[in-house]
Amino acid sequence: MRDEGIVPAFSLDHGITMSLYYKDPDGNFVELQSDNFGDWKRSTEWMRTSADFRSNPMGTFFDPEKVYQAYASGQSFEALQPTIRAGKFLPDSIPNIGLPISVNTGPSAVR
């Protein structure tokens, strides 16, 4: 999609999934997501027991192009995912997505 000029409005690592949000011409959002665990039992256990998820259920913004470049340079998804969640691949600016709760941006949170 990127090669066709279709880029996400914003992207979030929710811990359990990586989500890319696209905005259509009418202002509607479409979410494309990929499971981080590949196993519903492991995903469910992580959501129930993870201190990380408990402290940051919404997720961490990330720049998909930065992540793609790191992956293309040879980093595995297994190595990348924790660093994405930790805020290593933040976008240049954090989008205001209109949520009334804090969203983790890595080192600090925004409203």
PDB file of N, CA and C in Angstrom:
ATOM      1  N   MET A   1       0.828  -1.187   0.000  1.00  0.00           N
ATOM      2  CA  MET A   1       0.000   0.000   0.000  1.00  0.00           C
ATOM      3  C   MET A   1       0.875   1.255   0.000  1.00  0.00           C
ATOM      4  N   ARG A   2       1.971   1.199   0.759  1.00  0.00           N
ATOM      5  CA  ARG A   2       2.872   2.357   0.821  1.00  0.00           C
ATOM      6  C   ARG A   2       3.401   2.699  -0.566  1.00  0.00           C
ATOM      7  N   ASP A   3       3.736   1.667  -1.347  1.00  0.00           N
ATOM      8  CA  ASP A   3       4.265   1.897  -2.686  1.00  0.00           C
ATOM      9  C   ASP A   3       3.235   2.527  -3.615  1.00  0.00           C
ATOM     10  N   GLU A   4       1.969   2.430  -3.259  1.00  0.00           N
ATOM     11  CA  GLU A   4       0.883   3.059  -4.016  1.00  0.00           C
ATOM     12  C   GLU A   4       0.510   4.429  -3.444  1.00  0.00           C
ATOM     13  N   GLY A   5       1.275   4.889  -2.448  1.00  0.00           N
ATOM     14  CA  GLY A   5       1.022   6.197  -1.853  1.00  0.00           C
ATOM     15  C   GLY A   5      -0.034   6.181  -0.756  1.00  0.00           C
ATOM     16  N   ILE A   6      -0.397   4.993  -0.298  1.00  0.00           N
ATOM     17  CA  ILE A   6      -1.394   4.869   0.760  1.00  0.00           C
ATOM     18  C   ILE A   6      -0.647   4.599   2.062  1.00  0.00           C
ATOM     19  N   VAL A   7      -0.633   5.591   2.943  1.00  0.00           N
ATOM     20  CA  VAL A   7       0.103   5.464   4.200  1.00  0.00           C
ATOM     21  C   VAL A   7      -0.860   5.614   5.369  1.00  0.00           C
ATOM     22  N   PRO A   8      -0.543   4.993   6.489  1.00  0.00           N
ATOM     23  CA  PRO A   8      -1.442   5.094   7.644  1.00  0.00           C
ATOM     24  C   PRO A   8      -1.489   6.504   8.227  1.00  0.00           C
ATOM     25  N   ALA A   9      -2.639   6.855   8.765  1.00  0.00           N
ATOM     26  CA  ALA A   9      -2.789   8.122   9.483  1.00  0.00           C
ATOM     27  C   ALA A   9      -2.006   8.060  10.786  1.00  0.00           C
ATOM     28  N   PHE A  10      -2.003   6.884  11.424  1.00  0.00           N
ATOM     29  CA  PHE A  10      -1.195   6.641  12.610  1.00  0.00           C
ATOM     30  C   PHE A  10      -1.097   5.137  12.825  1.00  0.00           C
ATOM     31  N   SER A  11      -0.130   4.750  13.651  1.00  0.00           N
ATOM     32  CA  SER A  11       0.116   3.333  13.932  1.00  0.00           C
ATOM     33  C   SER A  11       0.363   3.172  15.421  1.00  0.00           C
ATOM     34  N   LEU A  12      -0.164   2.079  15.980  1.00  0.00           N
ATOM     35  CA  LEU A  12      -0.008   1.791  17.408  1.00  0.00           C
ATOM     36  C   LEU A  12       0.403   0.346  17.619  1.00  0.00           C
ATOM     37  N   ASP A  13       1.358   0.160  18.518  1.00  0.00           N
ATOM     38  CA  ASP A  13       1.683  -1.176  19.015  1.00  0.00           C
ATOM     39  C   ASP A  13       0.882  -1.339  20.295  1.00  0.00           C
ATOM     40  N   HIS A  14      -0.163  -2.150  20.231  1.00  0.00           N
ATOM     41  CA  HIS A  14      -1.036  -2.374  21.386  1.00  0.00           C
ATOM     42  C   HIS A  14      -0.488  -3.462  22.316  1.00  0.00           C
ATOM     43  N   GLY A  15       0.673  -3.994  21.993  1.00  0.00           N
ATOM     44  CA  GLY A  15       1.225  -5.092  22.781  1.00  0.00           C
ATOM     45  C   GLY A  15       0.763  -6.418  22.228  1.00  0.00           C
ATOM     46  N   ILE A  16      -0.529  -6.601  22.178  1.00  0.00           N
ATOM     47  CA  ILE A  16      -1.108  -7.833  21.635  1.00  0.00           C
ATOM     48  C   ILE A  16      -1.138  -7.799  20.105  1.00  0.00           C
ATOM     49  N   THR A  17      -1.273  -6.594  19.530  1.00  0.00           N
ATOM     50  CA  THR A  17      -1.297  -6.439  18.080  1.00  0.00           C
ATOM     51  C   THR A  17      -0.496  -5.212  17.664  1.00  0.00           C
ATOM     52  N   MET A  18      -0.125  -5.197  16.399  1.00  0.00           N
ATOM     53  CA  MET A  18       0.414  -4.012  15.730  1.00  0.00           C
ATOM     54  C   MET A  18      -0.713  -3.535  14.836  1.00  0.00           C
ATOM     55  N   SER A  19      -1.093  -2.267  14.956  1.00  0.00           N
ATOM     56  CA  SER A  19      -2.231  -1.758  14.205  1.00  0.00           C
ATOM     57  C   SER A  19      -1.860  -0.533  13.389  1.00  0.00           C
ATOM     58  N   LEU A  20      -2.266  -0.560  12.128  1.00  0.00           N
ATOM     59  CA  LEU A  20      -2.101   0.570  11.223  1.00  0.00           C
ATOM     60  C   LEU A  20      -3.497   1.102  10.938  1.00  0.00           C
ATOM     61  N   TYR A  21      -3.695   2.395  11.136  1.00  0.00           N
ATOM     62  CA  TYR A  21      -4.994   3.033  10.964  1.00  0.00           C
ATOM     63  C   TYR A  21      -4.950   3.943   9.735  1.00  0.00           C
ATOM     64  N   TYR A  22      -5.819   3.652   8.785  1.00  0.00           N
ATOM     65  CA  TYR A  22      -5.910   4.421   7.546  1.00  0.00           C
ATOM     66  C   TYR A  22      -7.191   5.233   7.559  1.00  0.00           C
ATOM     67  N   LYS A  23      -7.117   6.444   7.002  1.00  0.00           N
ATOM     68  CA  LYS A  23      -8.281   7.330   6.961  1.00  0.00           C
ATOM     69  C   LYS A  23      -8.751   7.458   5.513  1.00  0.00           C
ATOM     70  N   ASP A  24     -10.048   7.199   5.304  1.00  0.00           N
ATOM     71  CA  ASP A  24     -10.586   7.311   3.954  1.00  0.00           C
ATOM     72  C   ASP A  24     -10.999   8.755   3.661  1.00  0.00           C
ATOM     73  N   PRO A  25     -11.356   9.064   2.415  1.00  0.00           N
ATOM     74  CA  PRO A  25     -11.702  10.446   2.059  1.00  0.00           C
ATOM     75  C   PRO A  25     -12.883  11.019   2.841  1.00  0.00           C
ATOM     76  N   ASP A  26     -13.740  10.156   3.394  1.00  0.00           N
ATOM     77  CA  ASP A  26     -14.883  10.626   4.179  1.00  0.00           C
ATOM     78  C   ASP A  26     -14.550  10.792   5.659  1.00  0.00           C
ATOM     79  N   GLY A  27     -13.295  10.518   6.045  1.00  0.00           N
ATOM     80  CA  GLY A  27     -12.883  10.671   7.434  1.00  0.00           C
ATOM     81  C   GLY A  27     -13.063   9.433   8.286  1.00  0.00           C
ATOM     82  N   ASN A  28     -13.469   8.322   7.672  1.00  0.00           N
ATOM     83  CA  ASN A  28     -13.607   7.062   8.409  1.00  0.00           C
ATOM     84  C   ASN A  28     -12.246   6.397   8.540  1.00  0.00           C
ATOM     85  N   PHE A  29     -12.032   5.712   9.647  1.00  0.00           N
ATOM     86  CA  PHE A  29     -10.780   4.986   9.847  1.00  0.00           C
ATOM     87  C   PHE A  29     -10.981   3.494   9.614  1.00  0.00           C
ATOM     88  N   VAL A  30      -9.977   2.887   9.033  1.00  0.00           N
ATOM     89  CA  VAL A  30      -9.926   1.441   8.855  1.00  0.00           C
ATOM     90  C   VAL A  30      -8.662   0.967   9.555  1.00  0.00           C
ATOM     91  N   GLU A  31      -8.790  -0.063  10.382  1.00  0.00           N
ATOM     92  CA  GLU A  31      -7.638  -0.596  11.111  1.00  0.00           C
ATOM     93  C   GLU A  31      -7.220  -1.926  10.491  1.00  0.00           C
ATOM     94  N   LEU A  32      -5.945  -2.028  10.162  1.00  0.00           N
ATOM     95  CA  LEU A  32      -5.349  -3.302   9.763  1.00  0.00           C
ATOM     96  C   LEU A  32      -4.425  -3.705  10.896  1.00  0.00           C
ATOM     97  N   GLN A  33      -4.563  -4.943  11.368  1.00  0.00           N
ATOM     98  CA  GLN A  33      -3.747  -5.344  12.506  1.00  0.00           C
ATOM     99  C   GLN A  33      -3.132  -6.714  12.290  1.00  0.00           C
ATOM    100  N   SER A  34      -2.052  -6.909  13.004  1.00  0.00           N
ATOM    101  CA  SER A  34      -1.338  -8.178  12.978  1.00  0.00           C
ATOM    102  C   SER A  34      -1.113  -8.613  14.420  1.00  0.00           C
ATOM    103  N   ASP A  35      -1.402  -9.867  14.699  1.00  0.00           N
ATOM    104  CA  ASP A  35      -1.230 -10.415  16.045  1.00  0.00           C
ATOM    105  C   ASP A  35       0.253 -10.546  16.367  1.00  0.00           C
ATOM    106  N   ASN A  36       0.660 -10.108  17.541  1.00  0.00           N
ATOM    107  CA  ASN A  36       2.064 -10.186  17.946  1.00  0.00           C
ATOM    108  C   ASN A  36       2.462 -11.551  18.486  1.00  0.00           C
ATOM    109  N   PHE A  37       1.498 -12.356  18.879  1.00  0.00           N
ATOM    110  CA  PHE A  37       1.815 -13.620  19.521  1.00  0.00           C
ATOM    111  C   PHE A  37       1.588 -14.834  18.623  1.00  0.00           C
ATOM    112  N   GLY A  38       0.614 -14.749  17.738  1.00  0.00           N
ATOM    113  CA  GLY A  38       0.319 -15.880  16.871  1.00  0.00           C
ATOM    114  C   GLY A  38      -0.331 -17.047  17.593  1.00  0.00           C
ATOM    115  N   ASP A  39      -0.778 -16.810  18.800  1.00  0.00           N
ATOM    116  CA  ASP A  39      -1.378 -17.864  19.618  1.00  0.00           C
ATOM    117  C   ASP A  39      -2.335 -17.193  20.597  1.00  0.00           C
ATOM    118  N   TRP A  40      -3.634 -17.450  20.442  1.00  0.00           N
ATOM    119  CA  TRP A  40      -4.635 -16.766  21.259  1.00  0.00           C
ATOM    120  C   TRP A  40      -4.421 -17.025  22.746  1.00  0.00           C
ATOM    121  N   LYS A  41      -4.011 -18.226  23.103  1.00  0.00           N
ATOM    122  CA  LYS A  41      -3.780 -18.540  24.518  1.00  0.00           C
ATOM    123  C   LYS A  41      -2.656 -17.654  25.084  1.00  0.00           C
ATOM    124  N   ARG A  42      -1.554 -17.516  24.349  1.00  0.00           N
ATOM    125  CA  ARG A  42      -0.449 -16.662  24.802  1.00  0.00           C
ATOM    126  C   ARG A  42      -0.867 -15.194  24.842  1.00  0.00           C
ATOM    127  N   SER A  43      -1.636 -14.751  23.837  1.00  0.00           N
ATOM    128  CA  SER A  43      -2.114 -13.362  23.808  1.00  0.00           C
ATOM    129  C   SER A  43      -2.982 -13.066  25.014  1.00  0.00           C
ATOM    130  N   THR A  44      -3.918 -13.973  25.280  1.00  0.00           N
ATOM    131  CA  THR A  44      -4.835 -13.794  26.400  1.00  0.00           C
ATOM    132  C   THR A  44      -4.089 -13.772  27.723  1.00  0.00           C
ATOM    133  N   GLU A  45      -3.148 -14.664  27.887  1.00  0.00           N
ATOM    134  CA  GLU A  45      -2.351 -14.710  29.113  1.00  0.00           C
ATOM    135  C   GLU A  45      -1.573 -13.412  29.295  1.00  0.00           C
ATOM    136  N   TRP A  46      -0.993 -12.896  28.221  1.00  0.00           N
ATOM    137  CA  TRP A  46      -0.237 -11.641  28.300  1.00  0.00           C
ATOM    138  C   TRP A  46      -1.153 -10.497  28.733  1.00  0.00           C
ATOM    139  N   MET A  47      -2.350 -10.414  28.156  1.00  0.00           N
ATOM    140  CA  MET A  47      -3.275  -9.338  28.548  1.00  0.00           C
ATOM    141  C   MET A  47      -3.691  -9.455  30.017  1.00  0.00           C
ATOM    142  N   ARG A  48      -3.872 -10.670  30.499  1.00  0.00           N
ATOM    143  CA  ARG A  48      -4.320 -10.855  31.884  1.00  0.00           C
ATOM    144  C   ARG A  48      -3.216 -10.624  32.897  1.00  0.00           C
ATOM    145  N   THR A  49      -1.963 -10.890  32.536  1.00  0.00           N
ATOM    146  CA  THR A  49      -0.897 -10.895  33.537  1.00  0.00           C
ATOM    147  C   THR A  49       0.193  -9.842  33.344  1.00  0.00           C
ATOM    148  N   SER A  50       0.237  -9.188  32.212  1.00  0.00           N
ATOM    149  CA  SER A  50       1.346  -8.289  31.897  1.00  0.00           C
ATOM    150  C   SER A  50       1.241  -6.947  32.627  1.00  0.00           C
ATOM    151  N   ALA A  51       2.285  -6.608  33.362  1.00  0.00           N
ATOM    152  CA  ALA A  51       2.361  -5.276  33.981  1.00  0.00           C
ATOM    153  C   ALA A  51       2.447  -4.211  32.892  1.00  0.00           C
ATOM    154  N   ASP A  52       3.118  -4.529  31.787  1.00  0.00           N
ATOM    155  CA  ASP A  52       3.227  -3.603  30.663  1.00  0.00           C
ATOM    156  C   ASP A  52       1.838  -3.271  30.120  1.00  0.00           C
ATOM    157  N   PHE A  53       1.013  -4.277  29.888  1.00  0.00           N
ATOM    158  CA  PHE A  53      -0.337  -4.032  29.370  1.00  0.00           C
ATOM    159  C   PHE A  53      -1.187  -3.286  30.394  1.00  0.00           C
ATOM    160  N   ARG A  54      -1.042  -3.645  31.643  1.00  0.00           N
ATOM    161  CA  ARG A  54      -1.815  -2.982  32.705  1.00  0.00           C
ATOM    162  C   ARG A  54      -1.484  -1.482  32.750  1.00  0.00           C
ATOM    163  N   SER A  55      -0.217  -1.134  32.555  1.00  0.00           N
ATOM    164  CA  SER A  55       0.181   0.274  32.623  1.00  0.00           C
ATOM    165  C   SER A  55      -0.025   1.014  31.297  1.00  0.00           C
ATOM    166  N   ASN A  56      -0.187   0.281  30.198  1.00  0.00           N
ATOM    167  CA  ASN A  56      -0.295   0.913  28.886  1.00  0.00           C
ATOM    168  C   ASN A  56      -1.210   0.093  27.971  1.00  0.00           C
ATOM    169  N   PRO A  57      -2.506   0.024  28.280  1.00  0.00           N
ATOM    170  CA  PRO A  57      -3.400  -0.798  27.460  1.00  0.00           C
ATOM    171  C   PRO A  57      -3.650  -0.237  26.062  1.00  0.00           C
ATOM    172  N   MET A  58      -3.526   1.079  25.884  1.00  0.00           N
ATOM    173  CA  MET A  58      -3.776   1.657  24.565  1.00  0.00           C
ATOM    174  C   MET A  58      -2.636   1.363  23.597  1.00  0.00           C
ATOM    175  N   GLY A  59      -1.395   1.490  24.062  1.00  0.00           N
ATOM    176  CA  GLY A  59      -0.265   1.171  23.201  1.00  0.00           C
ATOM    177  C   GLY A  59       0.682   2.330  22.978  1.00  0.00           C
ATOM    178  N   THR A  60       1.633   2.100  22.093  1.00  0.00           N
ATOM    179  CA  THR A  60       2.690   3.051  21.785  1.00  0.00           C
ATOM    180  C   THR A  60       2.641   3.382  20.302  1.00  0.00           C
ATOM    181  N   PHE A  61       2.621   4.672  19.985  1.00  0.00           N
ATOM    182  CA  PHE A  61       2.683   5.083  18.592  1.00  0.00           C
ATOM    183  C   PHE A  61       4.018   4.632  18.001  1.00  0.00           C
ATOM    184  N   PHE A  62       4.000   4.356  16.711  1.00  0.00           N
ATOM    185  CA  PHE A  62       5.250   4.051  16.020  1.00  0.00           C
ATOM    186  C   PHE A  62       5.152   4.508  14.573  1.00  0.00           C
ATOM    187  N   ASP A  63       6.316   4.720  13.983  1.00  0.00           N
ATOM    188  CA  ASP A  63       6.421   5.097  12.580  1.00  0.00           C
ATOM    189  C   ASP A  63       6.682   3.814  11.787  1.00  0.00           C
ATOM    190  N   PRO A  64       5.726   3.360  10.989  1.00  0.00           N
ATOM    191  CA  PRO A  64       5.903   2.089  10.286  1.00  0.00           C
ATOM    192  C   PRO A  64       7.076   2.097   9.308  1.00  0.00           C
ATOM    193  N   GLU A  65       7.401   3.255   8.748  1.00  0.00           N
ATOM    194  CA  GLU A  65       8.542   3.311   7.831  1.00  0.00           C
ATOM    195  C   GLU A  65       9.853   3.066   8.584  1.00  0.00           C
ATOM    196  N   LYS A  66       9.980   3.630   9.774  1.00  0.00           N
ATOM    197  CA  LYS A  66      11.186   3.394  10.586  1.00  0.00           C
ATOM    198  C   LYS A  66      11.296   1.915  10.954  1.00  0.00           C
ATOM    199  N   VAL A  67      10.180   1.308  11.296  1.00  0.00           N
ATOM    200  CA  VAL A  67      10.175  -0.121  11.644  1.00  0.00           C
ATOM    201  C   VAL A  67      10.530  -0.953  10.414  1.00  0.00           C
ATOM    202  N   TYR A  68       9.953  -0.602   9.276  1.00  0.00           N
ATOM    203  CA  TYR A  68      10.256  -1.328   8.042  1.00  0.00           C
ATOM    204  C   TYR A  68      11.749  -1.268   7.719  1.00  0.00           C
ATOM    205  N   GLN A  69      12.336  -0.089   7.849  1.00  0.00           N
ATOM    206  CA  GLN A  69      13.765   0.054   7.560  1.00  0.00           C
ATOM    207  C   GLN A  69      14.612  -0.814   8.495  1.00  0.00           C
ATOM    208  N   ALA A  70      14.242  -0.862   9.763  1.00  0.00           N
ATOM    209  CA  ALA A  70      14.975  -1.708  10.713  1.00  0.00           C
ATOM    210  C   ALA A  70      14.814  -3.179  10.351  1.00  0.00           C
ATOM    211  N   TYR A  71      13.615  -3.570   9.968  1.00  0.00           N
ATOM    212  CA  TYR A  71      13.364  -4.961   9.566  1.00  0.00           C
ATOM    213  C   TYR A  71      14.139  -5.298   8.287  1.00  0.00           C
ATOM    214  N   ALA A  72      14.119  -4.376   7.326  1.00  0.00           N
ATOM    215  CA  ALA A  72      14.827  -4.595   6.061  1.00  0.00           C
ATOM    216  C   ALA A  72      16.338  -4.689   6.265  1.00  0.00           C
ATOM    217  N   SER A  73      16.838  -4.070   7.341  1.00  0.00           N
ATOM    218  CA  SER A  73      18.277  -4.131   7.620  1.00  0.00           C
ATOM    219  C   SER A  73      18.672  -5.432   8.325  1.00  0.00           C
ATOM    220  N   GLY A  74      17.681  -6.290   8.602  1.00  0.00           N
ATOM    221  CA  GLY A  74      17.996  -7.599   9.155  1.00  0.00           C
ATOM    222  C   GLY A  74      17.505  -7.860  10.563  1.00  0.00           C
ATOM    223  N   GLN A  75      16.873  -6.886  11.215  1.00  0.00           N
ATOM    224  CA  GLN A  75      16.360  -7.129  12.563  1.00  0.00           C
ATOM    225  C   GLN A  75      15.087  -7.979  12.485  1.00  0.00           C
ATOM    226  N   SER A  76      14.990  -8.958  13.336  1.00  0.00           N
ATOM    227  CA  SER A  76      13.814  -9.826  13.349  1.00  0.00           C
ATOM    228  C   SER A  76      12.647  -9.130  14.046  1.00  0.00           C
ATOM    229  N   PHE A  77      11.426  -9.566  13.727  1.00  0.00           N
ATOM    230  CA  PHE A  77      10.256  -9.005  14.399  1.00  0.00           C
ATOM    231  C   PHE A  77      10.339  -9.259  15.897  1.00  0.00           C
ATOM    232  N   GLU A  78      10.813 -10.439  16.289  1.00  0.00           N
ATOM    233  CA  GLU A  78      10.923 -10.787  17.709  1.00  0.00           C
ATOM    234  C   GLU A  78      11.832  -9.807  18.451  1.00  0.00           C
ATOM    235  N   ALA A  79      12.872  -9.334  17.792  1.00  0.00           N
ATOM    236  CA  ALA A  79      13.766  -8.348  18.405  1.00  0.00           C
ATOM    237  C   ALA A  79      13.178  -6.940  18.328  1.00  0.00           C
ATOM    238  N   LEU A  80      12.474  -6.638  17.254  1.00  0.00           N
ATOM    239  CA  LEU A  80      11.918  -5.294  17.068  1.00  0.00           C
ATOM    240  C   LEU A  80      10.733  -4.998  17.974  1.00  0.00           C
ATOM    241  N   GLN A  81       9.824  -5.939  18.144  1.00  0.00           N
ATOM    242  CA  GLN A  81       8.561  -5.657  18.818  1.00  0.00           C
ATOM    243  C   GLN A  81       8.734  -5.046  20.206  1.00  0.00           C
ATOM    244  N   PRO A  82       9.593  -5.579  21.066  1.00  0.00           N
ATOM    245  CA  PRO A  82       9.740  -4.937  22.385  1.00  0.00           C
ATOM    246  C   PRO A  82      10.258  -3.501  22.299  1.00  0.00           C
ATOM    247  N   THR A  83      11.100  -3.213  21.308  1.00  0.00           N
ATOM    248  CA  THR A  83      11.633  -1.862  21.183  1.00  0.00           C
ATOM    249  C   THR A  83      10.597  -0.907  20.588  1.00  0.00           C
ATOM    250  N   ILE A  84       9.719  -1.435  19.737  1.00  0.00           N
ATOM    251  CA  ILE A  84       8.617  -0.621  19.215  1.00  0.00           C
ATOM    252  C   ILE A  84       7.715  -0.224  20.382  1.00  0.00           C
ATOM    253  N   ARG A  85       7.352  -1.204  21.184  1.00  0.00           N
ATOM    254  CA  ARG A  85       6.482  -0.976  22.345  1.00  0.00           C
ATOM    255  C   ARG A  85       7.118   0.017  23.321  1.00  0.00           C
ATOM    256  N   ALA A  86       8.449  -0.032  23.440  1.00  0.00           N
ATOM    257  CA  ALA A  86       9.169   0.848  24.370  1.00  0.00           C
ATOM    258  C   ALA A  86       9.351   2.266  23.835  1.00  0.00           C
ATOM    259  N   GLY A  87       8.981   2.513  22.571  1.00  0.00           N
ATOM    260  CA  GLY A  87       9.051   3.864  22.036  1.00  0.00           C
ATOM    261  C   GLY A  87      10.267   4.180  21.194  1.00  0.00           C
ATOM    262  N   LYS A  88      11.013   3.183  20.759  1.00  0.00           N
ATOM    263  CA  LYS A  88      12.213   3.440  19.959  1.00  0.00           C
ATOM    264  C   LYS A  88      11.884   3.959  18.556  1.00  0.00           C
ATOM    265  N   PHE A  89      10.697   3.659  18.050  1.00  0.00           N
ATOM    266  CA  PHE A  89      10.346   4.014  16.682  1.00  0.00           C
ATOM    267  C   PHE A  89       9.188   5.009  16.627  1.00  0.00           C
ATOM    268  N   LEU A  90       9.207   5.989  17.526  1.00  0.00           N
ATOM    269  CA  LEU A  90       8.140   6.988  17.568  1.00  0.00           C
ATOM    270  C   LEU A  90       8.070   7.774  16.262  1.00  0.00           C
ATOM    271  N   PRO A  91       6.870   8.212  15.875  1.00  0.00           N
ATOM    272  CA  PRO A  91       6.772   9.104  14.712  1.00  0.00           C
ATOM    273  C   PRO A  91       7.367  10.463  15.061  1.00  0.00           C
ATOM    274  N   ASP A  92       7.630  11.271  14.047  1.00  0.00           N
ATOM    275  CA  ASP A  92       8.205  12.599  14.273  1.00  0.00           C
ATOM    276  C   ASP A  92       7.282  13.473  15.105  1.00  0.00           C
ATOM    277  N   SER A  93       5.975  13.290  14.954  1.00  0.00           N
ATOM    278  CA  SER A  93       5.025  13.989  15.810  1.00  0.00           C
ATOM    279  C   SER A  93       3.938  13.002  16.227  1.00  0.00           C
ATOM    280  N   ILE A  94       3.487  13.155  17.448  1.00  0.00           N
ATOM    281  CA  ILE A  94       2.459  12.266  17.992  1.00  0.00           C
ATOM    282  C   ILE A  94       1.089  12.802  17.561  1.00  0.00           C
ATOM    283  N   PRO A  95       0.315  11.971  16.874  1.00  0.00           N
ATOM    284  CA  PRO A  95      -0.993  12.460  16.417  1.00  0.00           C
ATOM    285  C   PRO A  95      -1.981  12.619  17.562  1.00  0.00           C
ATOM    286  N   ASN A  96      -2.840  13.610  17.426  1.00  0.00           N
ATOM    287  CA  ASN A  96      -3.937  13.781  18.372  1.00  0.00           C
ATOM    288  C   ASN A  96      -5.099  12.964  17.823  1.00  0.00           C
ATOM    289  N   ILE A  97      -5.368  11.833  18.448  1.00  0.00           N
ATOM    290  CA  ILE A  97      -6.430  10.961  17.949  1.00  0.00           C
ATOM    291  C   ILE A  97      -7.714  11.119  18.754  1.00  0.00           C
ATOM    292  N   GLY A  98      -7.751  12.137  19.599  1.00  0.00           N
ATOM    293  CA  GLY A  98      -8.982  12.488  20.288  1.00  0.00           C
ATOM    294  C   GLY A  98      -9.390  11.577  21.425  1.00  0.00           C
ATOM    295  N   LEU A  99      -8.435  10.890  22.022  1.00  0.00           N
ATOM    296  CA  LEU A  99      -8.763  10.011  23.135  1.00  0.00           C
ATOM    297  C   LEU A  99      -8.695  10.762  24.459  1.00  0.00           C
ATOM    298  N   PRO A 100      -9.622  10.473  25.356  1.00  0.00           N
ATOM    299  CA  PRO A 100      -9.609  11.147  26.654  1.00  0.00           C
ATOM    300  C   PRO A 100      -8.634  10.517  27.647  1.00  0.00           C
ATOM    301  N   ILE A 101      -7.872   9.501  27.210  1.00  0.00           N
ATOM    302  CA  ILE A 101      -6.931   8.832  28.103  1.00  0.00           C
ATOM    303  C   ILE A 101      -5.513   9.022  27.592  1.00  0.00           C
ATOM    304  N   SER A 102      -4.554   8.804  28.460  1.00  0.00           N
ATOM    305  CA  SER A 102      -3.157   8.923  28.051  1.00  0.00           C
ATOM    306  C   SER A 102      -2.766   7.775  27.143  1.00  0.00           C
ATOM    307  N   VAL A 103      -1.956   8.078  26.177  1.00  0.00           N
ATOM    308  CA  VAL A 103      -1.402   7.080  25.256  1.00  0.00           C
ATOM    309  C   VAL A 103       0.100   7.132  25.408  1.00  0.00           C
ATOM    310  N   ASN A 104       0.713   5.987  25.615  1.00  0.00           N
ATOM    311  CA  ASN A 104       2.152   5.920  25.819  1.00  0.00           C
ATOM    312  C   ASN A 104       2.875   6.307  24.538  1.00  0.00           C
ATOM    313  N   THR A 105       3.829   7.172  24.679  1.00  0.00           N
ATOM    314  CA  THR A 105       4.674   7.547  23.542  1.00  0.00           C
ATOM    315  C   THR A 105       6.111   7.144  23.830  1.00  0.00           C
ATOM    316  N   GLY A 106       6.276   6.162  24.653  1.00  0.00           N
ATOM    317  CA  GLY A 106       7.619   5.760  25.042  1.00  0.00           C
ATOM    318  C   GLY A 106       7.972   6.377  26.367  1.00  0.00           C
ATOM    319  N   PRO A 107       8.978   7.271  26.368  1.00  0.00           N
ATOM    320  CA  PRO A 107       9.433   7.850  27.628  1.00  0.00           C
ATOM    321  C   PRO A 107       8.392   8.702  28.358  1.00  0.00           C
ATOM    322  N   SER A 108       7.433   9.272  27.628  1.00  0.00           N
ATOM    323  CA  SER A 108       6.415  10.089  28.294  1.00  0.00           C
ATOM    324  C   SER A 108       5.056   9.812  27.677  1.00  0.00           C
ATOM    325  N   ALA A 109       4.018  10.238  28.344  1.00  0.00           N
ATOM    326  CA  ALA A 109       2.665  10.016  27.831  1.00  0.00           C
ATOM    327  C   ALA A 109       2.036  11.340  27.447  1.00  0.00           C
ATOM    328  N   VAL A 110       1.100  11.282  26.528  1.00  0.00           N
ATOM    329  CA  VAL A 110       0.369  12.473  26.088  1.00  0.00           C
ATOM    330  C   VAL A 110      -1.110  12.222  26.243  1.00  0.00           C
ATOM    331  N   ARG A 111      -1.878  13.278  26.252  1.00  0.00           N
ATOM    332  CA  ARG A 111      -3.340  13.173  26.269  1.00  0.00           C
ATOM    333  C   ARG A 111      -3.872  13.533  24.903  1.00  0.00           C
TER     334      ARG A 111
END
